[in-house]
Protein backbone atom coordinates (compact mmCIF):
# COMPACT_ATOMS: atom_id res chain seq x y z
CA UNK A 1 34.29 -56.84 -7.89
CA UNK A 2 32.86 -55.94 -11.29
CA UNK A 3 29.33 -56.44 -9.96
CA UNK A 4 30.08 -54.19 -6.98
CA UNK A 5 31.36 -51.41 -9.23
CA UNK A 6 28.41 -51.87 -11.57
CA UNK A 7 25.89 -51.72 -8.73
CA UNK A 8 27.59 -48.63 -7.27
CA UNK A 9 27.45 -46.81 -10.62
CA UNK A 10 23.78 -47.71 -11.07
CA UNK A 11 22.92 -46.51 -7.56
CA UNK A 12 24.75 -43.23 -8.09
CA UNK A 13 23.04 -42.68 -11.41
CA UNK A 14 19.66 -43.38 -9.84
CA UNK A 15 20.29 -40.85 -7.06
CA UNK A 16 21.43 -38.20 -9.56
CA UNK A 17 18.35 -38.77 -11.70
CA UNK A 18 16.08 -38.46 -8.66
CA UNK A 19 17.80 -35.26 -7.55
CA UNK A 20 17.54 -33.81 -11.06
CA UNK A 21 13.84 -34.72 -11.23
CA UNK A 22 13.17 -33.12 -7.82
CA UNK A 23 15.00 -29.95 -8.84
CA UNK A 24 12.96 -29.69 -12.04
CA UNK A 25 9.75 -30.25 -10.08
CA UNK A 26 10.65 -27.46 -7.67
CA UNK A 27 11.40 -25.11 -10.53
CA UNK A 28 8.09 -25.85 -12.26
CA UNK A 29 5.95 -25.56 -9.14
CA UNK A 30 5.10 -22.27 -7.48
CA UNK A 31 4.51 -21.94 -3.75
CA UNK A 32 1.27 -23.10 -2.19
CA UNK A 33 -0.44 -19.71 -2.29
CA UNK A 34 0.41 -18.94 -5.91
CA UNK A 35 -0.45 -22.49 -6.98
CA UNK A 36 -3.91 -22.03 -5.46
CA UNK A 37 -4.38 -18.59 -7.04
CA UNK A 38 -3.35 -19.92 -10.46
CA UNK A 39 -5.52 -23.03 -10.14
CA UNK A 40 -8.59 -21.11 -8.98
CA UNK A 41 -7.87 -18.05 -11.15
CA UNK A 42 -8.83 -15.97 -8.11
CA UNK A 43 -6.93 -13.53 -5.89
CA UNK A 44 -8.62 -12.12 -2.77
CA UNK A 45 -7.42 -8.58 -2.07
CA UNK A 46 -7.90 -6.42 1.03
CA UNK A 47 -8.49 -2.69 0.40
CA UNK A 48 -9.35 0.35 2.49
CA UNK A 49 -11.27 3.46 1.30
CA UNK A 50 -9.10 6.17 -0.25
CA UNK A 51 -10.48 8.92 -2.49
CA UNK A 52 -9.36 8.59 -6.13
CA UNK A 53 -7.42 5.44 -5.27
CA UNK A 54 -9.91 2.86 -3.96
CA UNK A 55 -13.48 4.04 -3.51
CA UNK A 56 -16.89 2.46 -3.97
CA UNK A 57 -19.02 4.50 -6.38
CA UNK A 58 -22.52 4.63 -4.80
CA UNK A 59 -24.17 5.11 -8.20
CA UNK A 60 -22.54 2.21 -10.03
CA UNK A 61 -21.83 -0.01 -7.04
CA UNK A 62 -18.33 -0.55 -8.45
CA UNK A 63 -14.91 0.29 -7.04
CA UNK A 64 -12.90 2.89 -8.92
CA UNK A 65 -9.67 4.84 -8.69
CA UNK A 66 -5.93 4.75 -9.37
CA UNK A 67 -5.35 1.46 -7.53
CA UNK A 68 -8.54 -0.15 -8.82
CA UNK A 69 -7.49 0.58 -12.42
CA UNK A 70 -4.14 -1.03 -11.66
CA UNK A 71 -5.87 -4.10 -10.21
CA UNK A 72 -8.13 -4.44 -13.26
CA UNK A 73 -5.08 -4.18 -15.51
CA UNK A 74 -3.41 -6.98 -13.53
CA UNK A 75 -6.56 -9.05 -14.04
CA UNK A 76 -6.52 -8.45 -17.79
CA UNK A 77 -2.83 -9.34 -18.16
CA UNK A 78 -2.84 -12.48 -16.00
CA UNK A 79 -6.37 -13.83 -16.35
CA UNK A 80 -6.65 -13.97 -12.56
CA UNK A 81 -9.93 -12.59 -11.17
CA UNK A 82 -9.47 -10.24 -8.23
CA UNK A 83 -12.05 -10.15 -5.44
CA UNK A 84 -11.94 -6.90 -3.44
CA UNK A 85 -12.72 -7.01 0.28
CA UNK A 86 -13.31 -3.65 1.94
CA UNK A 87 -11.91 -2.98 5.42
CA UNK A 88 -10.37 -0.17 7.50
CA UNK A 89 -6.75 0.95 7.29
CA UNK A 90 -6.06 -0.40 10.78
CA UNK A 91 -7.56 -3.75 9.79
CA UNK A 92 -5.53 -4.38 6.63
CA UNK A 93 -2.57 -6.20 8.17
CA UNK A 94 -4.65 -8.04 10.78
CA UNK A 95 -6.96 -9.33 8.05
CA UNK A 96 -4.01 -10.49 5.94
CA UNK A 97 -2.49 -12.38 8.86
CA UNK A 98 -5.87 -13.94 9.67
CA UNK A 99 -6.14 -15.24 6.10
CA UNK A 100 -9.12 -13.09 5.13
CA UNK A 101 -7.32 -12.02 1.94
CA UNK A 102 -4.22 -13.06 0.00
CA UNK A 103 -2.77 -9.62 -0.65
CA UNK A 104 -3.13 -6.02 0.53
CA UNK A 105 -3.44 -3.74 -2.49
CA UNK A 106 -4.41 -0.41 -0.97
CA UNK A 107 -1.21 1.60 -1.32
CA UNK A 108 0.01 0.62 2.15
CA UNK A 109 3.23 2.47 2.98
CA UNK A 110 6.30 0.29 3.50
CA UNK A 111 7.86 1.02 6.89
CA UNK A 112 10.29 -0.94 9.10
CA UNK A 113 7.55 -1.24 11.72
CA UNK A 114 5.14 -2.88 9.28
CA UNK A 115 7.86 -4.99 7.63
CA UNK A 116 8.01 -7.03 10.82
CA UNK A 117 4.52 -8.28 10.00
CA UNK A 118 4.29 -8.30 6.18
CA UNK A 119 6.48 -8.44 3.08
CA UNK A 120 6.19 -5.43 0.75
CA UNK A 121 6.28 -5.21 -3.02
CA UNK A 122 8.18 -2.65 -5.06
CA UNK A 123 6.49 0.79 -4.87
CA UNK A 124 3.66 1.82 -7.18
CA UNK A 125 3.73 5.44 -5.95
CA UNK A 126 5.22 7.98 -3.54
CA UNK A 127 3.69 10.27 -0.90
CA UNK A 128 4.84 12.78 1.68
CA UNK A 129 3.07 13.91 4.86
CA UNK A 130 1.29 17.28 5.00
CA UNK A 131 -1.24 18.92 7.32
CA UNK A 132 -4.80 19.93 6.52
CA UNK A 133 -5.73 23.08 8.49
CA UNK A 134 -8.64 25.49 8.37
CA UNK A 135 -8.30 28.10 5.64
CA UNK A 136 -8.62 30.95 8.15
CA UNK A 137 -6.00 29.58 10.58
CA UNK A 138 -2.60 31.18 11.21
CA UNK A 139 -0.62 27.96 11.21
CA UNK A 140 2.43 28.16 8.95
CA UNK A 141 4.73 25.35 10.07
CA UNK A 142 5.03 22.08 11.92
CA UNK A 143 6.33 23.99 14.95
CA UNK A 144 3.14 26.08 15.01
CA UNK A 145 1.08 22.90 15.22
CA UNK A 146 3.25 21.05 17.72
CA UNK A 147 2.00 22.84 20.80
CA UNK A 148 0.42 21.42 23.92
CA UNK A 149 -2.91 23.17 23.32
CA UNK A 150 -3.30 21.62 19.86
CA UNK A 151 -4.90 18.33 18.81
CA UNK A 152 -3.77 16.61 15.60
CA UNK A 153 -6.06 14.05 13.99
CA UNK A 154 -4.84 11.13 11.87
CA UNK A 155 -6.32 7.96 10.44
CA UNK A 156 -5.37 5.05 12.69
CA UNK A 157 -2.88 2.61 11.21
CA UNK A 158 -1.64 4.85 8.38
CA UNK A 159 1.92 5.98 7.65
CA UNK A 160 0.82 9.50 8.69
CA UNK A 161 -0.18 8.10 12.08
CA UNK A 162 3.32 6.69 12.54
CA UNK A 163 4.88 9.94 11.30
CA UNK A 164 2.95 12.14 13.74
CA UNK A 165 3.67 9.80 16.66
CA UNK A 166 7.40 10.08 15.97
CA UNK A 167 7.50 13.77 15.06
CA UNK A 168 5.00 15.65 17.24
CA UNK A 169 6.32 15.92 20.80
CA UNK A 170 3.81 18.31 22.42
CA UNK A 171 0.50 18.22 20.55
CA UNK A 172 -2.09 15.58 21.36
CA UNK A 173 -2.52 12.92 18.64
CA UNK A 174 -6.10 11.73 18.08
CA UNK A 175 -6.25 8.64 15.80
CA UNK A 176 -9.65 8.06 14.16
CA UNK A 177 -11.02 5.27 11.99
CA UNK A 178 -11.53 7.20 8.73
CA UNK A 179 -10.43 10.34 6.91
CA UNK A 180 -13.87 11.98 6.85
CA UNK A 181 -14.13 11.97 10.63
CA UNK A 182 -10.53 13.17 11.03
CA UNK A 183 -10.99 16.13 8.67
CA UNK A 184 -14.38 17.00 10.18
CA UNK A 185 -12.67 17.53 13.56
CA UNK A 186 -10.57 20.26 11.91
CA UNK A 187 -13.47 21.86 10.08
CA UNK A 188 -15.49 22.04 13.31
CA UNK A 189 -12.55 23.54 15.19
CA UNK A 190 -12.09 20.58 17.54
CA UNK A 191 -8.61 19.90 16.13
CA UNK A 192 -5.86 22.17 14.84
CA UNK A 193 -4.94 19.95 11.92
CA UNK A 194 -5.32 16.62 10.22
CA UNK A 195 -2.07 15.03 9.06
CA UNK A 196 -2.34 12.79 6.03
CA UNK A 197 -0.74 12.08 2.68
CA UNK A 198 0.27 14.91 0.35
CA UNK A 199 -1.86 13.75 -2.56
CA UNK A 200 -5.17 13.44 -0.72
CA UNK A 201 -4.64 16.67 1.21
CA UNK A 202 -3.85 18.63 -1.95
CA UNK A 203 -7.05 17.35 -3.58
CA UNK A 204 -9.14 18.08 -0.49
CA UNK A 205 -7.86 21.67 -0.26
CA UNK A 206 -8.58 22.18 -3.96
CA UNK A 207 -12.15 20.98 -3.48
CA UNK A 208 -12.79 23.20 -0.40
CA UNK A 209 -10.56 26.30 -0.84
CA UNK A 210 -12.64 28.51 1.46
CA UNK A 211 -12.64 25.96 4.28
CA UNK A 212 -9.37 24.06 4.17
CA UNK A 213 -5.70 24.73 3.42
CA UNK A 214 -2.92 22.23 2.70
CA UNK A 215 0.06 23.05 4.91
CA UNK A 216 3.26 21.55 3.55
CA UNK A 217 6.09 20.90 5.99
CA UNK A 218 9.70 21.91 5.34
CA UNK A 219 11.68 19.39 3.28
CA UNK A 220 13.72 18.38 6.33
CA UNK A 221 10.58 17.91 8.45
CA UNK A 222 8.27 15.95 6.20
CA UNK A 223 8.59 12.25 5.60
CA UNK A 224 8.24 10.41 2.31
CA UNK A 225 6.71 6.99 2.08
CA UNK A 226 5.97 4.58 -0.71
CA UNK A 227 2.72 2.98 -1.84
CA UNK A 228 3.07 -0.78 -1.90
CA UNK A 229 1.28 -4.11 -2.02
CA UNK A 230 1.88 -6.55 0.84
CA UNK A 231 1.74 -10.30 1.44
CA UNK A 232 2.44 -12.73 4.26
CA UNK A 233 6.09 -13.82 4.52
CA UNK A 234 4.92 -17.37 3.90
CA UNK A 235 3.59 -16.27 0.49
CA UNK A 236 6.69 -14.77 -1.12
CA UNK A 237 5.78 -16.57 -4.35
CA UNK A 238 2.89 -14.12 -4.70
CA UNK A 239 5.32 -11.26 -4.15
CA UNK A 240 7.39 -12.43 -7.12
CA UNK A 241 4.30 -12.26 -9.33
CA UNK A 242 3.36 -8.80 -8.05
CA UNK A 243 6.88 -7.40 -8.38
CA UNK A 244 7.19 -8.68 -11.94
CA UNK A 245 3.97 -6.88 -12.80
CA UNK A 246 4.89 -3.63 -10.98
CA UNK A 247 8.37 -3.41 -12.54
CA UNK A 248 6.97 -4.00 -16.01
CA UNK A 249 4.29 -1.33 -15.56
CA UNK A 250 6.74 1.23 -14.22
CA UNK A 251 8.94 0.80 -17.29
CA UNK A 252 5.88 1.40 -19.49
CA UNK A 253 5.01 4.65 -17.69
CA UNK A 254 1.72 3.12 -16.52
CA UNK A 255 1.65 4.79 -13.10
CA UNK A 256 2.33 8.20 -14.57
CA UNK A 257 -0.57 7.67 -16.97
CA UNK A 258 -2.86 6.68 -14.09
CA UNK A 259 -1.86 9.77 -12.13
CA UNK A 260 -2.85 11.97 -15.08
CA UNK A 261 -6.14 10.14 -15.57
CA UNK A 262 -7.17 10.65 -11.94
CA UNK A 263 -5.77 14.22 -11.84
CA UNK A 264 -3.25 13.37 -9.15
CA UNK A 265 0.04 15.24 -8.53
CA UNK A 266 2.99 14.12 -10.67
CA UNK A 267 5.03 13.44 -7.51
CA UNK A 268 2.89 10.36 -7.03
CA UNK A 269 4.70 8.65 -9.90
CA UNK A 270 8.11 10.32 -9.58
CA UNK A 271 8.72 10.59 -5.82
CA UNK A 272 11.05 13.16 -4.20
CA UNK A 273 13.19 15.09 -6.66
């Protein structure tokens, strides 16, 4: 009887020790994706062109902008080298799902539609939707634009594309692959307006005041969205790393400082007031 009790106690102790060891191992080990990134000291990031946020400088051959500065700061703080892979806005999520990159870091707006496919980080910025119209046009409101005879251009796959599809009931929506082509349609009078983010449109109107005008929608008509990073749902360990970084930087006022550096509207860092 004594031997039976002794053997039972030993077996129980062995099982408890094994369970404790497994728990500690799980705590110490990150998920597969983050383990690989940490081991290789390399993070592959998908980006899409966006003026003053992510743009390749033809003179230096280097990427620059608000988001690029943020990426380089992440590199400096973690020691993880980031490799940027350029793609289109419509190709960001498809490339992530295909394993072409580990993370999307292009300010992709978090929406319920996209959340079905990817997991989003905390926001690094805020944008609303506005329309870019010709400076000599008579358009004053969303209702003026939403007419059957009008064509509205957008960049395919963006939050503005989703916004116009939901909001405009009469006008024809023409999704194009890049912003330059979409704005050119307006400038050449083949479209009534280009709908895009408030920050980019404000900058574009400032650069071309005699050609373009930024038409802001009423507060109850526009739609705010956030700028976020995104990962596959199987790589939520990477999301923990990104969120820790983003939250820390927001508390330090980092994103407000970046907005000032790149001469971007303050709403980018503060959001709707």
